[in-house]
Amino acid sequence: MKTQKLGRGLDALLGEMDEAYENEGSQRDEILEISLKEIRPNPFQPRKTFNEESLAELAESIKNDGLIQPIVVTEDIDGYVLIAGERRFRASKLAKLKEIKAIVLNSDEQKMRQFALVENIQREELNAIELAEAYSELIKLHGSTHEELSSMIHKSRAHITNTLRLLQLSPKTQKALLEKKISAGHAKVLVGLDEKEQQVLVNSIIGQKLSVREVESMIKSKKSTTAQKDISKPNVESSYNFNTLQNKLRDFGLKTKISKTKLTLEFHSQEEIETFISRLSD
């Protein structure tokens, strides 16, 4: 079965999510107090890192004031699977709560994957690498172009393309970005360099507190120097045809040795040298 186009898919997903929250108190949506032990995290959650301090603050708020917005789950054979609200779910567990208020929706595997991706993109809770992976996943799910994804999630095509390029970085550079040792701006100008070059510049950024502009200048200068070296570097693979010259020199009674790019004259007396110079002057 052909996957539906991205536009309609995301609009429908967002609309369904919004409707679930808007109708929280009505009979149209089933809202339950569910044991936290019965809920499993969404296996398609794109967000891999969660700020522990921020989670602790949210846990304290939930403990004191209760959960303002319920999480969204779907019923599974072994209980429930989380669709949206990973931070609220984690914070509630951190607050030692036994149950949590949840909206129960019908959902399949593809919807679960898309809900997790879209919610995190819309809430801007992903770091740069997670965001790039989320964009990549949505594009794969729907076979869409960068332009189509741009119009659906209201981000510029250039932003999507530049973000996706971060996935070309080496694992060490990606780690430095995730740990906020370098900025997304730094990371974007490192795309296209080999792993060794990236590491040298990452170390310089961290050690010398280089700005993005300074890194750009270093890369531009290095490329310029490399280009000049390539121009001036002799082509060691070239070879010349010395046959005609070699035969002419033999007529002078001179012995020669040749290689790919060199012809060497052999003189056995001062007289041979003077005779050769004399003939050159004729």
Protein backbone atom coordinates (compact mmCIF):
# COMPACT_ATOMS: atom_id res chain seq x y z
CA MET A 1 0.00 0.00 0.00
CA LYS A 2 1.37 3.41 -0.97
CA THR A 3 2.17 5.71 1.94
CA GLN A 4 -0.02 8.82 2.01
CA LYS A 5 1.59 12.12 1.12
CA LEU A 6 3.25 14.04 3.90
CA GLY A 7 1.01 17.12 3.86
CA ARG A 8 -2.28 15.41 4.55
CA GLY A 9 -0.61 12.99 6.95
CA LEU A 10 0.86 15.67 9.20
CA ASP A 11 -2.23 17.88 9.08
CA ALA A 12 -4.37 14.94 10.13
CA LEU A 13 -2.00 13.97 12.92
CA LEU A 14 -1.78 17.49 14.32
CA GLY A 15 -5.52 17.91 14.05
CA GLU A 16 -6.15 14.64 15.86
CA MET A 17 -3.73 15.59 18.63
CA ASP A 18 -5.24 19.07 19.03
CA GLU A 19 -8.76 17.65 19.08
CA ALA A 20 -7.81 15.18 21.78
CA TYR A 21 -6.54 17.96 24.05
CA GLU A 22 -9.41 20.33 23.25
CA ASN A 23 -12.03 17.69 24.04
CA GLU A 24 -10.32 16.53 27.19
CA GLY A 25 -13.41 16.91 29.32
CA SER A 26 -15.95 15.55 26.87
CA GLN A 27 -17.31 12.09 26.35
CA ARG A 28 -15.69 11.85 22.91
CA ASP A 29 -12.26 11.11 24.35
CA GLU A 30 -11.44 8.52 26.95
CA ILE A 31 -9.40 10.00 29.81
CA LEU A 32 -8.10 7.58 32.41
CA GLU A 33 -5.94 7.56 35.49
CA ILE A 34 -3.41 4.93 34.44
CA SER A 35 -0.74 3.27 36.52
CA LEU A 36 2.69 4.47 35.43
CA LYS A 37 3.83 0.85 35.54
CA GLU A 38 1.38 -0.01 32.76
CA ILE A 39 2.84 2.55 30.34
CA ARG A 40 5.77 1.84 28.06
CA PRO A 41 7.74 4.64 26.36
CA ASN A 42 7.19 5.26 22.67
CA PRO A 43 9.84 3.15 20.89
CA PHE A 44 9.92 5.75 18.12
CA GLN A 45 10.68 8.69 20.40
CA PRO A 46 13.25 10.81 18.50
CA ARG A 47 14.42 12.62 21.60
CA LYS A 48 17.37 10.82 23.21
CA THR A 49 18.57 13.38 25.76
CA PHE A 50 16.58 14.97 28.59
CA ASN A 51 17.85 17.73 30.85
CA GLU A 52 17.89 16.25 34.36
CA GLU A 53 17.58 19.64 36.08
CA SER A 54 14.59 20.58 33.93
CA LEU A 55 12.94 17.21 34.65
CA ALA A 56 13.47 17.69 38.38
CA GLU A 57 11.79 21.12 38.22
CA LEU A 58 8.83 19.67 36.30
CA ALA A 59 8.58 16.79 38.79
CA GLU A 60 8.42 19.26 41.68
CA SER A 61 5.72 21.25 39.88
CA ILE A 62 3.64 18.14 39.20
CA LYS A 63 4.05 17.04 42.82
CA ASN A 64 2.84 20.42 44.12
CA ASP A 65 0.23 21.44 41.54
CA GLY A 66 -0.71 18.24 39.74
CA LEU A 67 -0.43 17.42 36.04
CA ILE A 68 -1.97 20.28 34.03
CA GLN A 69 -1.96 18.56 30.62
CA PRO A 70 -2.48 14.81 30.34
CA ILE A 71 -0.19 12.58 28.34
CA VAL A 72 -1.45 10.74 25.26
CA VAL A 73 -1.29 6.95 25.04
CA THR A 74 -2.62 4.10 22.95
CA GLU A 75 -3.81 0.81 24.36
CA ASP A 76 -1.57 -2.17 23.76
CA ILE A 77 -1.83 -5.87 24.50
CA ASP A 78 0.49 -5.45 27.49
CA GLY A 79 -0.97 -2.17 28.76
CA TYR A 80 -0.37 1.22 27.13
CA VAL A 81 2.26 2.81 24.91
CA LEU A 82 3.14 6.46 25.25
CA ILE A 83 2.44 8.58 22.16
CA ALA A 84 3.06 12.12 23.44
CA GLY A 85 4.25 13.62 26.71
CA GLU A 86 7.59 11.92 27.36
CA ARG A 87 8.83 14.69 29.72
CA ARG A 88 5.58 14.65 31.73
CA PHE A 89 5.77 10.85 31.93
CA ARG A 90 9.39 10.87 33.13
CA ALA A 91 8.78 13.72 35.57
CA SER A 92 5.75 11.94 37.06
CA LYS A 93 7.87 8.85 37.68
CA LEU A 94 10.56 11.09 39.19
CA ALA A 95 7.89 12.58 41.49
CA LYS A 96 7.10 9.02 42.72
CA LEU A 97 3.51 9.19 41.48
CA LYS A 98 1.62 5.93 41.08
CA GLU A 99 -0.81 7.04 38.37
CA ILE A 100 -1.02 9.65 35.64
CA LYS A 101 -3.89 11.24 33.73
CA ALA A 102 -3.86 10.13 30.10
CA ILE A 103 -5.91 10.54 26.93
CA VAL A 104 -6.33 7.20 25.16
CA LEU A 105 -6.30 7.27 21.37
CA ASN A 106 -6.47 4.54 18.78
CA SER A 107 -3.16 4.42 16.97
CA ASP A 108 -1.02 2.17 14.79
CA GLU A 109 2.76 1.90 14.61
CA GLN A 110 3.16 4.49 11.85
CA LYS A 111 1.00 7.04 13.69
CA MET A 112 2.95 6.47 16.89
CA ARG A 113 6.18 7.16 15.05
CA GLN A 114 4.78 10.30 13.42
CA PHE A 115 3.13 11.62 16.59
CA ALA A 116 6.46 11.44 18.43
CA LEU A 117 8.34 13.11 15.60
CA VAL A 118 5.82 15.88 15.01
CA GLU A 119 5.21 16.70 18.67
CA ASN A 120 8.91 17.13 19.37
CA ILE A 121 9.50 19.18 16.21
CA GLN A 122 6.54 21.46 16.99
CA ARG A 123 7.58 21.89 20.62
CA GLU A 124 11.20 22.55 19.57
CA GLU A 125 12.46 20.15 22.24
CA LEU A 126 15.03 18.34 20.09
CA ASN A 127 18.72 19.12 19.91
CA ALA A 128 20.24 19.74 16.46
CA ILE A 129 21.21 16.11 15.77
CA GLU A 130 17.88 14.73 17.02
CA LEU A 131 16.08 17.29 14.87
CA ALA A 132 18.09 16.23 11.81
CA GLU A 133 17.24 12.59 12.49
CA ALA A 134 13.56 13.49 12.94
CA TYR A 135 13.49 15.33 9.60
CA SER A 136 15.23 12.39 7.93
CA GLU A 137 12.73 9.94 9.43
CA LEU A 138 9.71 11.94 8.26
CA ILE A 139 11.15 12.23 4.75
CA LYS A 140 11.73 8.46 4.64
CA LEU A 141 8.25 7.69 5.97
CA HIS A 142 6.53 9.71 3.27
CA GLY A 143 9.04 9.83 0.43
CA SER A 144 8.76 13.60 0.50
CA THR A 145 11.07 16.36 -0.70
CA HIS A 146 12.66 18.99 1.52
CA GLU A 147 10.24 21.51 0.00
CA GLU A 148 7.18 19.43 0.92
CA LEU A 149 8.39 18.92 4.49
CA SER A 150 9.10 22.65 4.71
CA SER A 151 5.52 23.64 3.91
CA MET A 152 4.06 21.15 6.37
CA ILE A 153 6.11 21.90 9.48
CA HIS A 154 6.47 25.61 8.72
CA LYS A 155 10.25 25.63 8.60
CA SER A 156 12.27 27.00 5.70
CA ARG A 157 13.62 24.58 3.13
CA ALA A 158 17.13 25.97 3.72
CA HIS A 159 16.79 25.26 7.46
CA ILE A 160 15.72 21.67 6.79
CA THR A 161 18.52 21.08 4.25
CA ASN A 162 21.20 22.62 6.48
CA THR A 163 19.97 20.68 9.52
CA LEU A 164 20.02 17.38 7.61
CA ARG A 165 23.62 18.06 6.56
CA LEU A 166 24.65 17.74 10.23
CA LEU A 167 24.18 13.98 9.88
CA GLN A 168 27.26 13.99 7.60
CA LEU A 169 29.47 15.02 10.55
CA SER A 170 31.74 12.49 12.23
CA PRO A 171 30.46 10.85 15.45
CA LYS A 172 33.00 12.82 17.53
CA THR A 173 31.89 16.13 16.05
CA GLN A 174 28.23 15.24 16.61
CA LYS A 175 29.07 14.41 20.22
CA ALA A 176 30.77 17.79 20.68
CA LEU A 177 27.63 19.45 19.33
CA LEU A 178 25.34 17.44 21.62
CA GLU A 179 27.50 18.33 24.62
CA LYS A 180 27.31 22.00 23.55
CA LYS A 181 31.08 22.25 23.25
CA ILE A 182 30.50 23.69 19.78
CA SER A 183 27.44 25.48 18.40
CA ALA A 184 25.19 24.45 15.51
CA GLY A 185 26.77 27.31 13.55
CA HIS A 186 30.23 25.82 14.11
CA ALA A 187 28.98 22.37 13.14
CA LYS A 188 27.46 23.55 9.86
CA VAL A 189 30.75 25.01 8.59
CA LEU A 190 32.56 21.76 9.46
CA VAL A 191 30.34 19.70 7.14
CA GLY A 192 32.34 18.50 4.15
CA LEU A 193 35.69 18.24 5.97
CA ASP A 194 37.20 14.83 6.63
CA GLU A 195 37.12 13.36 10.13
CA LYS A 196 40.70 14.37 10.98
CA GLU A 197 40.17 17.96 9.85
CA GLN A 198 36.94 18.17 11.84
CA GLN A 199 38.66 16.97 15.01
CA VAL A 200 41.49 19.49 14.67
CA LEU A 201 39.03 22.35 14.28
CA VAL A 202 36.73 21.12 17.07
CA ASN A 203 39.74 21.08 19.41
CA SER A 204 40.64 24.60 18.28
CA ILE A 205 37.07 25.86 18.77
CA ILE A 206 36.98 24.47 22.30
CA GLY A 207 40.51 25.42 23.28
CA GLN A 208 40.69 28.87 21.67
CA LYS A 209 37.01 29.86 21.93
CA LEU A 210 36.83 30.49 18.18
CA SER A 211 33.77 32.16 16.69
CA VAL A 212 31.95 30.73 13.67
CA ARG A 213 33.40 33.51 11.49
CA GLU A 214 36.94 32.68 12.64
CA VAL A 215 36.43 29.00 11.82
CA GLU A 216 35.07 29.91 8.39
CA SER A 217 38.18 32.04 7.75
CA MET A 218 40.48 29.19 8.83
CA ILE A 219 38.74 26.74 6.49
CA LYS A 220 38.80 29.22 3.60
CA SER A 221 42.51 29.95 4.17
CA LYS A 222 43.35 26.24 4.34
CA LYS A 223 41.49 25.52 1.10
CA SER A 224 43.29 28.40 -0.62
CA THR A 225 46.71 27.17 0.55
CA THR A 226 45.95 23.61 -0.55
CA ALA A 227 44.86 24.83 -3.98
CA GLN A 228 48.13 26.79 -4.41
CA LYS A 229 50.18 23.75 -3.42
CA ASP A 230 48.31 21.61 -5.92
CA ILE A 231 49.07 24.14 -8.68
CA SER A 232 52.80 24.39 -7.89
CA LYS A 233 53.33 20.71 -7.15
CA PRO A 234 55.11 18.95 -10.03
CA ASN A 235 53.28 16.14 -11.69
CA VAL A 236 55.52 13.22 -10.79
CA GLU A 237 53.52 10.93 -12.98
CA SER A 238 54.40 12.93 -16.15
CA SER A 239 57.04 11.68 -18.57
CA TYR A 240 58.72 13.38 -21.53
CA ASN A 241 59.86 12.07 -24.90
CA PHE A 242 63.61 12.77 -25.09
CA ASN A 243 64.29 10.58 -28.14
CA THR A 244 64.93 13.36 -30.67
CA LEU A 245 67.12 15.35 -28.29
CA GLN A 246 68.99 12.26 -27.20
CA ASN A 247 69.78 11.34 -30.82
CA LYS A 248 71.01 14.89 -31.53
CA LEU A 249 73.32 14.80 -28.53
CA ARG A 250 74.73 11.48 -29.62
CA ASP A 251 75.68 13.14 -32.90
CA PHE A 252 77.82 15.43 -30.76
CA GLY A 253 79.48 12.34 -29.33
CA LEU A 254 77.82 12.78 -25.91
CA LYS A 255 76.47 10.08 -23.68
CA THR A 256 73.09 10.66 -21.97
CA LYS A 257 70.90 9.09 -19.32
CA ILE A 258 67.15 9.66 -19.23
CA SER A 259 64.31 9.15 -16.73
CA LYS A 260 60.64 10.18 -16.95
CA THR A 261 61.35 13.89 -16.51
CA LYS A 262 65.17 14.22 -16.67
CA LEU A 263 67.92 13.99 -19.26
CA THR A 264 71.48 13.87 -17.91
CA LEU A 265 74.61 14.63 -19.97
CA GLU A 266 77.85 12.78 -19.26
CA PHE A 267 81.21 14.47 -19.95
CA HIS A 268 84.53 12.64 -19.62
CA SER A 269 86.90 15.56 -20.19
CA GLN A 270 87.14 19.32 -20.20
CA GLU A 271 87.65 19.13 -23.94
CA GLU A 272 84.19 17.51 -24.40
CA ILE A 273 82.61 20.34 -22.43
CA GLU A 274 84.34 23.03 -24.47
CA THR A 275 83.45 21.32 -27.74
CA PHE A 276 79.79 21.11 -26.70
CA ILE A 277 79.71 24.82 -25.70
CA SER A 278 81.33 25.74 -29.00
CA ARG A 279 78.69 23.89 -30.99
CA LEU A 280 75.92 25.58 -29.01
CA SER A 281 77.39 28.94 -30.01
CA ASP A 282 77.42 28.09 -33.73
